[in-house]
């Protein structure tokens, strides 16, 4: 499998975990020291990301899923990659992401022990 396909598989599993509202599966591919930076929030470490997602899935994100489209993927050496995506959250019952929930997102991947992992995530309003 190519590195691009491996990264795509990590993202597919992460988005499936979101659709399943499974916070543990959501962070399965995050490094222990991963960061997630969202407007007004810094989640430092896999545990912080997991806890925030669990709270979301138990509350306002229950039944939600994400839509996502990659804009670019580039490799920074053999063990790092940066992906830029357009994304949004579909809440339960929605068929289209409202403009105010569309974001541009950056994923930073690093290969550790032969496995592509999410090292950082950042998003901002589109």
PDB file of N, CA and C in Angstrom:
ATOM      1  N   UNK A   1       0.840  -1.172   0.000  1.00  0.00           N
ATOM      2  CA  UNK A   1       0.000   0.000   0.000  1.00  0.00           C
ATOM      3  C   UNK A   1       0.893   1.245   0.000  1.00  0.00           C
ATOM      4  N   UNK A   2       0.512   2.239  -0.776  1.00  0.00           N
ATOM      5  CA  UNK A   2       1.296   3.472  -0.830  1.00  0.00           C
ATOM      6  C   UNK A   2       1.088   4.296   0.441  1.00  0.00           C
ATOM      7  N   UNK A   3       1.975   5.222   0.680  1.00  0.00           N
ATOM      8  CA  UNK A   3       1.843   6.112   1.836  1.00  0.00           C
ATOM      9  C   UNK A   3       0.543   6.907   1.755  1.00  0.00           C
ATOM     10  N   UNK A   4       0.196   7.356   0.565  1.00  0.00           N
ATOM     11  CA  UNK A   4      -1.060   8.094   0.400  1.00  0.00           C
ATOM     12  C   UNK A   4      -2.246   7.225   0.779  1.00  0.00           C
ATOM     13  N   UNK A   5      -2.258   5.990   0.332  1.00  0.00           N
ATOM     14  CA  UNK A   5      -3.353   5.076   0.671  1.00  0.00           C
ATOM     15  C   UNK A   5      -3.392   4.784   2.172  1.00  0.00           C
ATOM     16  N   UNK A   6      -2.224   4.673   2.782  1.00  0.00           N
ATOM     17  CA  UNK A   6      -2.181   4.432   4.234  1.00  0.00           C
ATOM     18  C   UNK A   6      -2.752   5.626   5.000  1.00  0.00           C
ATOM     19  N   UNK A   7      -2.404   6.829   4.584  1.00  0.00           N
ATOM     20  CA  UNK A   7      -2.937   8.034   5.224  1.00  0.00           C
ATOM     21  C   UNK A   7      -4.440   8.125   5.002  1.00  0.00           C
ATOM     22  N   UNK A   8      -4.888   7.827   3.789  1.00  0.00           N
ATOM     23  CA  UNK A   8      -6.328   7.819   3.509  1.00  0.00           C
ATOM     24  C   UNK A   8      -7.051   6.823   4.413  1.00  0.00           C
ATOM     25  N   UNK A   9      -6.434   5.675   4.665  1.00  0.00           N
ATOM     26  CA  UNK A   9      -7.050   4.664   5.533  1.00  0.00           C
ATOM     27  C   UNK A   9      -7.140   5.161   6.976  1.00  0.00           C
ATOM     28  N   UNK A  10      -6.114   5.879   7.446  1.00  0.00           N
ATOM     29  CA  UNK A  10      -6.151   6.465   8.797  1.00  0.00           C
ATOM     30  C   UNK A  10      -7.310   7.448   8.900  1.00  0.00           C
ATOM     31  N   UNK A  11      -7.444   8.315   7.912  1.00  0.00           N
ATOM     32  CA  UNK A  11      -8.532   9.290   7.950  1.00  0.00           C
ATOM     33  C   UNK A  11      -9.892   8.607   7.836  1.00  0.00           C
ATOM     34  N   UNK A  12     -10.011   7.607   6.989  1.00  0.00           N
ATOM     35  CA  UNK A  12     -11.288   6.889   6.861  1.00  0.00           C
ATOM     36  C   UNK A  12     -11.680   6.250   8.187  1.00  0.00           C
ATOM     37  N   UNK A  13     -10.727   5.642   8.877  1.00  0.00           N
ATOM     38  CA  UNK A  13     -11.019   5.026  10.179  1.00  0.00           C
ATOM     39  C   UNK A  13     -11.398   6.087  11.208  1.00  0.00           C
ATOM     40  N   UNK A  14     -10.731   7.225  11.161  1.00  0.00           N
ATOM     41  CA  UNK A  14     -11.022   8.309  12.102  1.00  0.00           C
ATOM     42  C   UNK A  14     -12.422   8.863  11.861  1.00  0.00           C
ATOM     43  N   UNK A  15     -12.771   9.083  10.604  1.00  0.00           N
ATOM     44  CA  UNK A  15     -14.110   9.588  10.293  1.00  0.00           C
ATOM     45  C   UNK A  15     -15.189   8.548  10.577  1.00  0.00           C
ATOM     46  N   UNK A  16     -14.887   7.282  10.388  1.00  0.00           N
ATOM     47  CA  UNK A  16     -15.852   6.244  10.733  1.00  0.00           C
ATOM     48  C   UNK A  16     -16.086   6.223  12.245  1.00  0.00           C
ATOM     49  N   UNK A  17     -15.015   6.382  13.005  1.00  0.00           N
ATOM     50  CA  UNK A  17     -15.147   6.437  14.465  1.00  0.00           C
ATOM     51  C   UNK A  17     -16.024   7.621  14.870  1.00  0.00           C
ATOM     52  N   UNK A  18     -15.880   8.743  14.173  1.00  0.00           N
ATOM     53  CA  UNK A  18     -16.742   9.895  14.455  1.00  0.00           C
ATOM     54  C   UNK A  18     -18.198   9.503  14.198  1.00  0.00           C
ATOM     55  N   UNK A  19     -18.464   8.920  13.033  1.00  0.00           N
ATOM     56  CA  UNK A  19     -19.837   8.520  12.692  1.00  0.00           C
ATOM     57  C   UNK A  19     -20.397   7.534  13.714  1.00  0.00           C
ATOM     58  N   UNK A  20     -19.525   6.718  14.280  1.00  0.00           N
ATOM     59  CA  UNK A  20     -19.935   5.751  15.302  1.00  0.00           C
ATOM     60  C   UNK A  20     -19.997   6.375  16.695  1.00  0.00           C
ATOM     61  N   UNK A  21     -19.619   7.650  16.808  1.00  0.00           N
ATOM     62  CA  UNK A  21     -19.545   8.357  18.102  1.00  0.00           C
ATOM     63  C   UNK A  21     -18.686   7.599  19.094  1.00  0.00           C
ATOM     64  N   UNK A  22     -17.536   7.115  18.631  1.00  0.00           N
ATOM     65  CA  UNK A  22     -16.625   6.295  19.439  1.00  0.00           C
ATOM     66  C   UNK A  22     -15.323   7.071  19.666  1.00  0.00           C
ATOM     67  N   UNK A  23     -15.222   7.715  20.826  1.00  0.00           N
ATOM     68  CA  UNK A  23     -14.065   8.564  21.116  1.00  0.00           C
ATOM     69  C   UNK A  23     -12.769   7.769  21.186  1.00  0.00           C
ATOM     70  N   UNK A  24     -12.816   6.550  21.717  1.00  0.00           N
ATOM     71  CA  UNK A  24     -11.595   5.738  21.797  1.00  0.00           C
ATOM     72  C   UNK A  24     -11.081   5.378  20.408  1.00  0.00           C
ATOM     73  N   UNK A  25     -11.981   4.957  19.529  1.00  0.00           N
ATOM     74  CA  UNK A  25     -11.573   4.633  18.157  1.00  0.00           C
ATOM     75  C   UNK A  25     -11.141   5.896  17.410  1.00  0.00           C
ATOM     76  N   UNK A  26     -11.769   7.021  17.736  1.00  0.00           N
ATOM     77  CA  UNK A  26     -11.420   8.276  17.076  1.00  0.00           C
ATOM     78  C   UNK A  26      -9.955   8.621  17.270  1.00  0.00           C
ATOM     79  N   UNK A  27      -9.421   8.387  18.458  1.00  0.00           N
ATOM     80  CA  UNK A  27      -8.023   8.763  18.735  1.00  0.00           C
ATOM     81  C   UNK A  27      -7.036   7.611  18.555  1.00  0.00           C
ATOM     82  N   UNK A  28      -7.499   6.477  18.074  1.00  0.00           N
ATOM     83  CA  UNK A  28      -6.623   5.311  17.901  1.00  0.00           C
ATOM     84  C   UNK A  28      -5.392   5.625  17.055  1.00  0.00           C
ATOM     85  N   UNK A  29      -5.531   6.516  16.088  1.00  0.00           N
ATOM     86  CA  UNK A  29      -4.423   6.833  15.183  1.00  0.00           C
ATOM     87  C   UNK A  29      -3.727   8.140  15.539  1.00  0.00           C
ATOM     88  N   UNK A  30      -4.016   8.692  16.719  1.00  0.00           N
ATOM     89  CA  UNK A  30      -3.332   9.893  17.185  1.00  0.00           C
ATOM     90  C   UNK A  30      -2.091   9.483  17.976  1.00  0.00           C
ATOM     91  N   UNK A  31      -1.025  10.259  17.828  1.00  0.00           N
ATOM     92  CA  UNK A  31       0.148  10.029  18.667  1.00  0.00           C
ATOM     93  C   UNK A  31      -0.198  10.429  20.100  1.00  0.00           C
ATOM     94  N   UNK A  32       0.536   9.904  21.036  1.00  0.00           N
ATOM     95  CA  UNK A  32       0.297  10.235  22.452  1.00  0.00           C
ATOM     96  C   UNK A  32       0.423  11.738  22.692  1.00  0.00           C
ATOM     97  N   UNK A  33       1.349  12.392  21.979  1.00  0.00           N
ATOM     98  CA  UNK A  33       1.598  13.821  22.168  1.00  0.00           C
ATOM     99  C   UNK A  33       0.952  14.700  21.095  1.00  0.00           C
ATOM    100  N   UNK A  34      -0.059  14.178  20.428  1.00  0.00           N
ATOM    101  CA  UNK A  34      -0.742  14.926  19.374  1.00  0.00           C
ATOM    102  C   UNK A  34      -1.394  16.187  19.923  1.00  0.00           C
ATOM    103  N   UNK A  35      -1.562  17.161  19.037  1.00  0.00           N
ATOM    104  CA  UNK A  35      -2.299  18.365  19.394  1.00  0.00           C
ATOM    105  C   UNK A  35      -3.448  18.564  18.413  1.00  0.00           C
ATOM    106  N   UNK A  36      -4.523  19.123  18.932  1.00  0.00           N
ATOM    107  CA  UNK A  36      -5.654  19.521  18.093  1.00  0.00           C
ATOM    108  C   UNK A  36      -5.974  20.965  18.446  1.00  0.00           C
ATOM    109  N   UNK A  37      -5.889  21.820  17.464  1.00  0.00           N
ATOM    110  CA  UNK A  37      -6.114  23.249  17.656  1.00  0.00           C
ATOM    111  C   UNK A  37      -7.343  23.641  16.853  1.00  0.00           C
ATOM    112  N   UNK A  38      -8.370  24.070  17.579  1.00  0.00           N
ATOM    113  CA  UNK A  38      -9.614  24.512  16.967  1.00  0.00           C
ATOM    114  C   UNK A  38      -9.900  25.916  17.469  1.00  0.00           C
ATOM    115  N   UNK A  39     -10.737  26.682  16.790  1.00  0.00           N
ATOM    116  CA  UNK A  39     -11.007  28.037  17.276  1.00  0.00           C
ATOM    117  C   UNK A  39     -11.410  28.015  18.755  1.00  0.00           C
ATOM    118  N   UNK A  40     -10.635  28.704  19.569  1.00  0.00           N
ATOM    119  CA  UNK A  40     -10.926  28.789  20.991  1.00  0.00           C
ATOM    120  C   UNK A  40     -10.531  27.598  21.822  1.00  0.00           C
ATOM    121  N   UNK A  41      -9.815  26.631  21.240  1.00  0.00           N
ATOM    122  CA  UNK A  41      -9.515  25.413  21.987  1.00  0.00           C
ATOM    123  C   UNK A  41      -8.192  24.803  21.548  1.00  0.00           C
ATOM    124  N   UNK A  42      -7.364  24.475  22.527  1.00  0.00           N
ATOM    125  CA  UNK A  42      -6.154  23.689  22.289  1.00  0.00           C
ATOM    126  C   UNK A  42      -6.287  22.410  23.094  1.00  0.00           C
ATOM    127  N   UNK A  43      -6.214  21.283  22.397  1.00  0.00           N
ATOM    128  CA  UNK A  43      -6.273  19.975  23.044  1.00  0.00           C
ATOM    129  C   UNK A  43      -4.890  19.364  22.899  1.00  0.00           C
ATOM    130  N   UNK A  44      -4.161  19.334  24.008  1.00  0.00           N
ATOM    131  CA  UNK A  44      -2.776  18.875  24.000  1.00  0.00           C
ATOM    132  C   UNK A  44      -2.718  17.440  24.492  1.00  0.00           C
ATOM    133  N   UNK A  45      -2.443  16.539  23.570  1.00  0.00           N
ATOM    134  CA  UNK A  45      -2.304  15.126  23.899  1.00  0.00           C
ATOM    135  C   UNK A  45      -3.526  14.313  23.508  1.00  0.00           C
ATOM    136  N   UNK A  46      -3.282  13.054  23.214  1.00  0.00           N
ATOM    137  CA  UNK A  46      -4.345  12.138  22.791  1.00  0.00           C
ATOM    138  C   UNK A  46      -5.470  12.059  23.820  1.00  0.00           C
ATOM    139  N   UNK A  47      -5.125  12.045  25.110  1.00  0.00           N
ATOM    140  CA  UNK A  47      -6.153  11.946  26.146  1.00  0.00           C
ATOM    141  C   UNK A  47      -7.074  13.160  26.119  1.00  0.00           C
ATOM    142  N   UNK A  48      -6.517  14.352  25.948  1.00  0.00           N
ATOM    143  CA  UNK A  48      -7.341  15.563  25.885  1.00  0.00           C
ATOM    144  C   UNK A  48      -8.253  15.541  24.663  1.00  0.00           C
ATOM    145  N   UNK A  49      -7.740  15.067  23.532  1.00  0.00           N
ATOM    146  CA  UNK A  49      -8.562  14.958  22.322  1.00  0.00           C
ATOM    147  C   UNK A  49      -9.683  13.957  22.563  1.00  0.00           C
ATOM    148  N   UNK A  50      -9.340  12.808  23.143  1.00  0.00           N
ATOM    149  CA  UNK A  50     -10.334  11.774  23.415  1.00  0.00           C
ATOM    150  C   UNK A  50     -11.424  12.287  24.351  1.00  0.00           C
ATOM    151  N   UNK A  51     -11.034  12.960  25.418  1.00  0.00           N
ATOM    152  CA  UNK A  51     -12.009  13.457  26.392  1.00  0.00           C
ATOM    153  C   UNK A  51     -12.943  14.492  25.773  1.00  0.00           C
ATOM    154  N   UNK A  52     -12.399  15.377  24.957  1.00  0.00           N
ATOM    155  CA  UNK A  52     -13.228  16.385  24.297  1.00  0.00           C
ATOM    156  C   UNK A  52     -14.210  15.735  23.323  1.00  0.00           C
ATOM    157  N   UNK A  53     -13.740  14.738  22.591  1.00  0.00           N
ATOM    158  CA  UNK A  53     -14.630  14.059  21.649  1.00  0.00           C
ATOM    159  C   UNK A  53     -15.697  13.262  22.383  1.00  0.00           C
ATOM    160  N   UNK A  54     -15.338  12.609  23.473  1.00  0.00           N
ATOM    161  CA  UNK A  54     -16.318  11.850  24.249  1.00  0.00           C
ATOM    162  C   UNK A  54     -17.420  12.783  24.763  1.00  0.00           C
ATOM    163  N   UNK A  55     -17.029  13.959  25.257  1.00  0.00           N
ATOM    164  CA  UNK A  55     -18.022  14.925  25.729  1.00  0.00           C
ATOM    165  C   UNK A  55     -18.910  15.390  24.572  1.00  0.00           C
ATOM    166  N   UNK A  56     -18.306  15.633  23.427  1.00  0.00           N
ATOM    167  CA  UNK A  56     -19.088  16.039  22.255  1.00  0.00           C
ATOM    168  C   UNK A  56     -20.052  14.958  21.809  1.00  0.00           C
ATOM    169  N   UNK A  57     -19.574  13.718  21.750  1.00  0.00           N
ATOM    170  CA  UNK A  57     -20.428  12.611  21.315  1.00  0.00           C
ATOM    171  C   UNK A  57     -21.560  12.338  22.298  1.00  0.00           C
ATOM    172  N   UNK A  58     -21.351  12.663  23.565  1.00  0.00           N
ATOM    173  CA  UNK A  58     -22.399  12.486  24.574  1.00  0.00           C
ATOM    174  C   UNK A  58     -23.386  13.656  24.554  1.00  0.00           C
ATOM    175  N   UNK A  59     -23.013  14.732  23.871  1.00  0.00           N
ATOM    176  CA  UNK A  59     -23.845  15.926  23.862  1.00  0.00           C
ATOM    177  C   UNK A  59     -24.147  16.404  22.457  1.00  0.00           C
ATOM    178  N   UNK A  60     -23.620  17.570  22.076  1.00  0.00           N
ATOM    179  CA  UNK A  60     -24.025  18.204  20.812  1.00  0.00           C
ATOM    180  C   UNK A  60     -23.607  17.462  19.544  1.00  0.00           C
ATOM    181  N   UNK A  61     -22.625  16.586  19.623  1.00  0.00           N
ATOM    182  CA  UNK A  61     -22.185  15.858  18.418  1.00  0.00           C
ATOM    183  C   UNK A  61     -22.827  14.480  18.290  1.00  0.00           C
ATOM    184  N   UNK A  62     -23.703  14.113  19.228  1.00  0.00           N
ATOM    185  CA  UNK A  62     -24.363  12.804  19.166  1.00  0.00           C
ATOM    186  C   UNK A  62     -25.079  12.662  17.815  1.00  0.00           C
ATOM    187  N   UNK A  63     -24.795  11.582  17.122  1.00  0.00           N
ATOM    188  CA  UNK A  63     -25.431  11.310  15.843  1.00  0.00           C
ATOM    189  C   UNK A  63     -24.868  12.097  14.670  1.00  0.00           C
ATOM    190  N   UNK A  64     -23.800  12.852  14.895  1.00  0.00           N
ATOM    191  CA  UNK A  64     -23.222  13.644  13.805  1.00  0.00           C
ATOM    192  C   UNK A  64     -22.206  12.819  13.020  1.00  0.00           C
ATOM    193  N   UNK A  65     -21.816  13.374  11.891  1.00  0.00           N
ATOM    194  CA  UNK A  65     -20.728  12.798  11.099  1.00  0.00           C
ATOM    195  C   UNK A  65     -20.046  13.946  10.374  1.00  0.00           C
ATOM    196  N   UNK A  66     -18.918  13.641   9.784  1.00  0.00           N
ATOM    197  CA  UNK A  66     -18.189  14.678   9.067  1.00  0.00           C
ATOM    198  C   UNK A  66     -18.211  14.416   7.575  1.00  0.00           C
ATOM    199  N   UNK A  67     -18.106  15.478   6.819  1.00  0.00           N
ATOM    200  CA  UNK A  67     -17.875  15.386   5.379  1.00  0.00           C
ATOM    201  C   UNK A  67     -16.515  16.017   5.148  1.00  0.00           C
ATOM    202  N   UNK A  68     -15.817  15.504   4.172  1.00  0.00           N
ATOM    203  CA  UNK A  68     -14.415  15.876   4.041  1.00  0.00           C
ATOM    204  C   UNK A  68     -13.977  15.731   2.591  1.00  0.00           C
ATOM    205  N   UNK A  69     -13.138  16.662   2.160  1.00  0.00           N
ATOM    206  CA  UNK A  69     -12.556  16.593   0.817  1.00  0.00           C
ATOM    207  C   UNK A  69     -11.124  17.087   0.897  1.00  0.00           C
ATOM    208  N   UNK A  70     -10.199  16.226   0.472  1.00  0.00           N
ATOM    209  CA  UNK A  70      -8.791  16.626   0.490  1.00  0.00           C
ATOM    210  C   UNK A  70      -8.523  17.630  -0.622  1.00  0.00           C
ATOM    211  N   UNK A  71      -7.804  18.689  -0.244  1.00  0.00           N
ATOM    212  CA  UNK A  71      -7.360  19.676  -1.215  1.00  0.00           C
ATOM    213  C   UNK A  71      -5.927  19.419  -1.640  1.00  0.00           C
ATOM    214  N   UNK A  72      -5.104  18.939  -0.670  1.00  0.00           N
ATOM    215  CA  UNK A  72      -3.715  18.648  -1.013  1.00  0.00           C
ATOM    216  C   UNK A  72      -3.121  17.693   0.007  1.00  0.00           C
ATOM    217  N   UNK A  73      -2.086  17.005  -0.427  1.00  0.00           N
ATOM    218  CA  UNK A  73      -1.286  16.142   0.442  1.00  0.00           C
ATOM    219  C   UNK A  73       0.146  16.244  -0.054  1.00  0.00           C
ATOM    220  N   UNK A  74       1.034  16.597   0.867  1.00  0.00           N
ATOM    221  CA  UNK A  74       2.450  16.657   0.490  1.00  0.00           C
ATOM    222  C   UNK A  74       3.277  15.997   1.584  1.00  0.00           C
ATOM    223  N   UNK A  75       4.370  15.430   1.161  1.00  0.00           N
ATOM    224  CA  UNK A  75       5.250  14.729   2.088  1.00  0.00           C
ATOM    225  C   UNK A  75       6.439  15.617   2.412  1.00  0.00           C
ATOM    226  N   UNK A  76       6.771  15.671   3.686  1.00  0.00           N
ATOM    227  CA  UNK A  76       7.912  16.441   4.171  1.00  0.00           C
ATOM    228  C   UNK A  76       8.948  15.426   4.651  1.00  0.00           C
ATOM    229  N   UNK A  77       9.604  14.797   3.714  1.00  0.00           N
ATOM    230  CA  UNK A  77      10.523  13.714   4.037  1.00  0.00           C
ATOM    231  C   UNK A  77       9.799  12.379   3.998  1.00  0.00           C
ATOM    232  N   UNK A  78      10.495  11.347   4.443  1.00  0.00           N
ATOM    233  CA  UNK A  78       9.936   9.993   4.369  1.00  0.00           C
ATOM    234  C   UNK A  78       8.919   9.696   5.461  1.00  0.00           C
ATOM    235  N   UNK A  79       8.957  10.451   6.556  1.00  0.00           N
ATOM    236  CA  UNK A  79       8.137  10.110   7.717  1.00  0.00           C
ATOM    237  C   UNK A  79       7.191  11.213   8.162  1.00  0.00           C
ATOM    238  N   UNK A  80       6.899  12.173   7.299  1.00  0.00           N
ATOM    239  CA  UNK A  80       5.976  13.251   7.657  1.00  0.00           C
ATOM    240  C   UNK A  80       5.158  13.648   6.442  1.00  0.00           C
ATOM    241  N   UNK A  81       3.912  14.003   6.699  1.00  0.00           N
ATOM    242  CA  UNK A  81       3.022  14.443   5.623  1.00  0.00           C
ATOM    243  C   UNK A  81       2.066  15.493   6.167  1.00  0.00           C
ATOM    244  N   UNK A  82       1.653  16.393   5.279  1.00  0.00           N
ATOM    245  CA  UNK A  82       0.720  17.455   5.627  1.00  0.00           C
ATOM    246  C   UNK A  82      -0.431  17.393   4.628  1.00  0.00           C
ATOM    247  N   UNK A  83      -1.629  17.254   5.164  1.00  0.00           N
ATOM    248  CA  UNK A  83      -2.822  17.211   4.329  1.00  0.00           C
ATOM    249  C   UNK A  83      -3.687  18.418   4.642  1.00  0.00           C
ATOM    250  N   UNK A  84      -4.238  19.028   3.610  1.00  0.00           N
ATOM    251  CA  UNK A  84      -5.162  20.144   3.762  1.00  0.00           C
ATOM    252  C   UNK A  84      -6.506  19.690   3.206  1.00  0.00           C
ATOM    253  N   UNK A  85      -7.558  19.895   4.005  1.00  0.00           N
ATOM    254  CA  UNK A  85      -8.895  19.422   3.649  1.00  0.00           C
ATOM    255  C   UNK A  85      -9.929  20.517   3.849  1.00  0.00           C
ATOM    256  N   UNK A  86     -11.032  20.398   3.132  1.00  0.00           N
ATOM    257  CA  UNK A  86     -12.265  21.116   3.429  1.00  0.00           C
ATOM    258  C   UNK A  86     -13.133  20.133   4.192  1.00  0.00           C
ATOM    259  N   UNK A  87     -13.679  20.556   5.308  1.00  0.00           N
ATOM    260  CA  UNK A  87     -14.465  19.652   6.140  1.00  0.00           C
ATOM    261  C   UNK A  87     -15.665  20.376   6.724  1.00  0.00           C
ATOM    262  N   UNK A  88     -16.553  19.584   7.275  1.00  0.00           N
ATOM    263  CA  UNK A  88     -17.693  20.147   7.982  1.00  0.00           C
ATOM    264  C   UNK A  88     -18.394  19.072   8.774  1.00  0.00           C
ATOM    265  N   UNK A  89     -19.190  19.490   9.734  1.00  0.00           N
ATOM    266  CA  UNK A  89     -19.931  18.570  10.587  1.00  0.00           C
ATOM    267  C   UNK A  89     -21.396  18.581  10.177  1.00  0.00           C
ATOM    268  N   UNK A  90     -21.903  17.390   9.886  1.00  0.00           N
ATOM    269  CA  UNK A  90     -23.331  17.202   9.651  1.00  0.00           C
ATOM    270  C   UNK A  90     -23.942  16.722  10.953  1.00  0.00           C
ATOM    271  N   UNK A  91     -24.812  17.517  11.543  1.00  0.00           N
ATOM    272  CA  UNK A  91     -25.494  17.084  12.753  1.00  0.00           C
ATOM    273  C   UNK A  91     -26.592  16.087  12.384  1.00  0.00           C
ATOM    274  N   UNK A  92     -27.048  15.343  13.362  1.00  0.00           N
ATOM    275  CA  UNK A  92     -28.080  14.329  13.119  1.00  0.00           C
ATOM    276  C   UNK A  92     -29.245  14.950  12.343  1.00  0.00           C
ATOM    277  N   UNK A  93     -29.644  14.283  11.258  1.00  0.00           N
ATOM    278  CA  UNK A  93     -30.773  14.729  10.450  1.00  0.00           C
ATOM    279  C   UNK A  93     -30.425  15.702   9.345  1.00  0.00           C
ATOM    280  N   UNK A  94     -29.228  16.256   9.337  1.00  0.00           N
ATOM    281  CA  UNK A  94     -28.850  17.212   8.292  1.00  0.00           C
ATOM    282  C   UNK A  94     -28.343  16.487   7.050  1.00  0.00           C
ATOM    283  N   UNK A  95     -28.552  17.129   5.905  1.00  0.00           N
ATOM    284  CA  UNK A  95     -28.050  16.579   4.644  1.00  0.00           C
ATOM    285  C   UNK A  95     -26.999  17.473   4.008  1.00  0.00           C
ATOM    286  N   UNK A  96     -26.868  18.699   4.526  1.00  0.00           N
ATOM    287  CA  UNK A  96     -25.873  19.637   3.998  1.00  0.00           C
ATOM    288  C   UNK A  96     -25.242  20.392   5.160  1.00  0.00           C
ATOM    289  N   UNK A  97     -23.944  20.631   5.042  1.00  0.00           N
ATOM    290  CA  UNK A  97     -23.231  21.365   6.084  1.00  0.00           C
ATOM    291  C   UNK A  97     -23.512  22.858   5.911  1.00  0.00           C
ATOM    292  N   UNK A  98     -24.038  23.507   6.952  1.00  0.00           N
ATOM    293  CA  UNK A  98     -24.230  24.961   6.870  1.00  0.00           C
ATOM    294  C   UNK A  98     -22.888  25.680   6.733  1.00  0.00           C
ATOM    295  N   UNK A  99     -22.899  26.797   6.065  1.00  0.00           N
ATOM    296  CA  UNK A  99     -21.663  27.551   5.797  1.00  0.00           C
ATOM    297  C   UNK A  99     -20.885  27.841   7.075  1.00  0.00           C
ATOM    298  N   UNK A 100     -21.570  28.134   8.179  1.00  0.00           N
ATOM    299  CA  UNK A 100     -20.864  28.486   9.413  1.00  0.00           C
ATOM    300  C   UNK A 100     -20.142  27.302  10.051  1.00  0.00           C
ATOM    301  N   UNK A 101     -20.407  26.070   9.595  1.00  0.00           N
ATOM    302  CA  UNK A 101     -19.692  24.909  10.126  1.00  0.00           C
ATOM    303  C   UNK A 101     -18.713  24.321   9.112  1.00  0.00           C
ATOM    304  N   UNK A 102     -18.449  25.009   8.039  1.00  0.00           N
ATOM    305  CA  UNK A 102     -17.425  24.568   7.084  1.00  0.00           C
ATOM    306  C   UNK A 102     -16.078  25.081   7.555  1.00  0.00           C
ATOM    307  N   UNK A 103     -15.081  24.208   7.474  1.00  0.00           N
ATOM    308  CA  UNK A 103     -13.740  24.584   7.922  1.00  0.00           C
ATOM    309  C   UNK A 103     -12.698  24.158   6.900  1.00  0.00           C
ATOM    310  N   UNK A 104     -11.564  24.821   6.984  1.00  0.00           N
ATOM    311  CA  UNK A 104     -10.354  24.361   6.315  1.00  0.00           C
ATOM    312  C   UNK A 104      -9.521  23.710   7.412  1.00  0.00           C
ATOM    313  N   UNK A 105      -9.031  22.523   7.143  1.00  0.00           N
ATOM    314  CA  UNK A 105      -8.328  21.754   8.164  1.00  0.00           C
ATOM    315  C   UNK A 105      -6.964  21.322   7.661  1.00  0.00           C
ATOM    316  N   UNK A 106      -6.018  21.294   8.594  1.00  0.00           N
ATOM    317  CA  UNK A 106      -4.680  20.792   8.309  1.00  0.00           C
ATOM    318  C   UNK A 106      -4.416  19.603   9.218  1.00  0.00           C
ATOM    319  N   UNK A 107      -4.027  18.506   8.618  1.00  0.00           N
ATOM    320  CA  UNK A 107      -3.627  17.292   9.330  1.00  0.00           C
ATOM    321  C   UNK A 107      -2.121  17.131   9.157  1.00  0.00           C
ATOM    322  N   UNK A 108      -1.421  16.868  10.233  1.00  0.00           N
ATOM    323  CA  UNK A 108       0.006  16.566  10.161  1.00  0.00           C
ATOM    324  C   UNK A 108       0.174  15.109  10.578  1.00  0.00           C
ATOM    325  N   UNK A 109       0.788  14.340   9.711  1.00  0.00           N
ATOM    326  CA  UNK A 109       1.000  12.915   9.956  1.00  0.00           C
ATOM    327  C   UNK A 109       2.477  12.643  10.151  1.00  0.00           C
ATOM    328  N   UNK A 110       2.759  11.678  10.990  1.00  0.00           N
ATOM    329  CA  UNK A 110       4.137  11.224  11.125  1.00  0.00           C
ATOM    330  C   UNK A 110       4.122   9.701  11.175  1.00  0.00           C
ATOM    331  N   UNK A 111       5.145   9.142  10.579  1.00  0.00           N
ATOM    332  CA  UNK A 111       5.264   7.687  10.568  1.00  0.00           C
ATOM    333  C   UNK A 111       6.081   7.266  11.775  1.00  0.00           C
ATOM    334  N   UNK A 112       5.463   6.496  12.665  1.00  0.00           N
ATOM    335  CA  UNK A 112       6.116   5.993  13.872  1.00  0.00           C
ATOM    336  C   UNK A 112       5.994   4.477  13.885  1.00  0.00           C
ATOM    337  N   UNK A 113       7.107   3.813  14.079  1.00  0.00           N
ATOM    338  CA  UNK A 113       7.114   2.351  14.138  1.00  0.00           C
ATOM    339  C   UNK A 113       6.411   1.733  12.930  1.00  0.00           C
ATOM    340  N   UNK A 114       6.651   2.343  11.754  1.00  0.00           N
ATOM    341  CA  UNK A 114       6.108   1.811  10.515  1.00  0.00           C
ATOM    342  C   UNK A 114       4.640   2.104  10.284  1.00  0.00           C
ATOM    343  N   UNK A 115       4.048   2.986  11.084  1.00  0.00           N
ATOM    344  CA  UNK A 115       2.609   3.245  11.009  1.00  0.00           C
ATOM    345  C   UNK A 115       2.366   4.751  10.928  1.00  0.00           C
ATOM    346  N   UNK A 116       1.524   5.204  10.006  1.00  0.00           N
ATOM    347  CA  UNK A 116       1.173   6.610   9.906  1.00  0.00           C
ATOM    348  C   UNK A 116       0.221   6.973  11.039  1.00  0.00           C
ATOM    349  N   UNK A 117       0.566   8.065  11.739  1.00  0.00           N
ATOM    350  CA  UNK A 117      -0.197   8.526  12.895  1.00  0.00           C
ATOM    351  C   UNK A 117      -0.507  10.017  12.731  1.00  0.00           C
ATOM    352  N   UNK A 118      -1.569  10.460  13.377  1.00  0.00           N
ATOM    353  CA  UNK A 118      -1.929  11.878  13.380  1.00  0.00           C
ATOM    354  C   UNK A 118      -1.136  12.549  14.495  1.00  0.00           C
ATOM    355  N   UNK A 119      -0.279  13.483  14.127  1.00  0.00           N
ATOM    356  CA  UNK A 119       0.541  14.202  15.105  1.00  0.00           C
ATOM    357  C   UNK A 119      -0.075  15.546  15.469  1.00  0.00           C
ATOM    358  N   UNK A 120      -0.830  16.133  14.540  1.00  0.00           N
ATOM    359  CA  UNK A 120      -1.470  17.422  14.815  1.00  0.00           C
ATOM    360  C   UNK A 120      -2.640  17.626  13.872  1.00  0.00           C
ATOM    361  N   UNK A 121      -3.600  18.366  14.369  1.00  0.00           N
ATOM    362  CA  UNK A 121      -4.775  18.744  13.594  1.00  0.00           C
ATOM    363  C   UNK A 121      -5.087  20.193  13.925  1.00  0.00           C
ATOM    364  N   UNK A 122      -5.475  20.947  12.927  1.00  0.00           N
ATOM    365  CA  UNK A 122      -5.863  22.342  13.120  1.00  0.00           C
ATOM    366  C   UNK A 122      -6.987  22.657  12.150  1.00  0.00           C
ATOM    367  N   UNK A 123      -7.986  23.420  12.610  1.00  0.00           N
ATOM    368  CA  UNK A 123      -8.965  23.895  11.648  1.00  0.00           C
ATOM    369  C   UNK A 123      -9.327  25.341  11.928  1.00  0.00           C
ATOM    370  N   UNK A 124      -9.852  25.986  10.892  1.00  0.00           N
ATOM    371  CA  UNK A 124     -10.324  27.357  11.016  1.00  0.00           C
ATOM    372  C   UNK A 124     -11.527  27.500  10.094  1.00  0.00           C
ATOM    373  N   UNK A 125     -12.391  28.459  10.369  1.00  0.00           N
ATOM    374  CA  UNK A 125     -13.549  28.636   9.504  1.00  0.00           C
ATOM    375  C   UNK A 125     -13.143  28.814   8.038  1.00  0.00           C
ATOM    376  N   UNK A 126     -13.936  28.244   7.167  1.00  0.00           N
ATOM    377  CA  UNK A 126     -13.636  28.313   5.727  1.00  0.00           C
ATOM    378  C   UNK A 126     -13.855  29.719   5.207  1.00  0.00           C
TER     379      UNK A 126
END
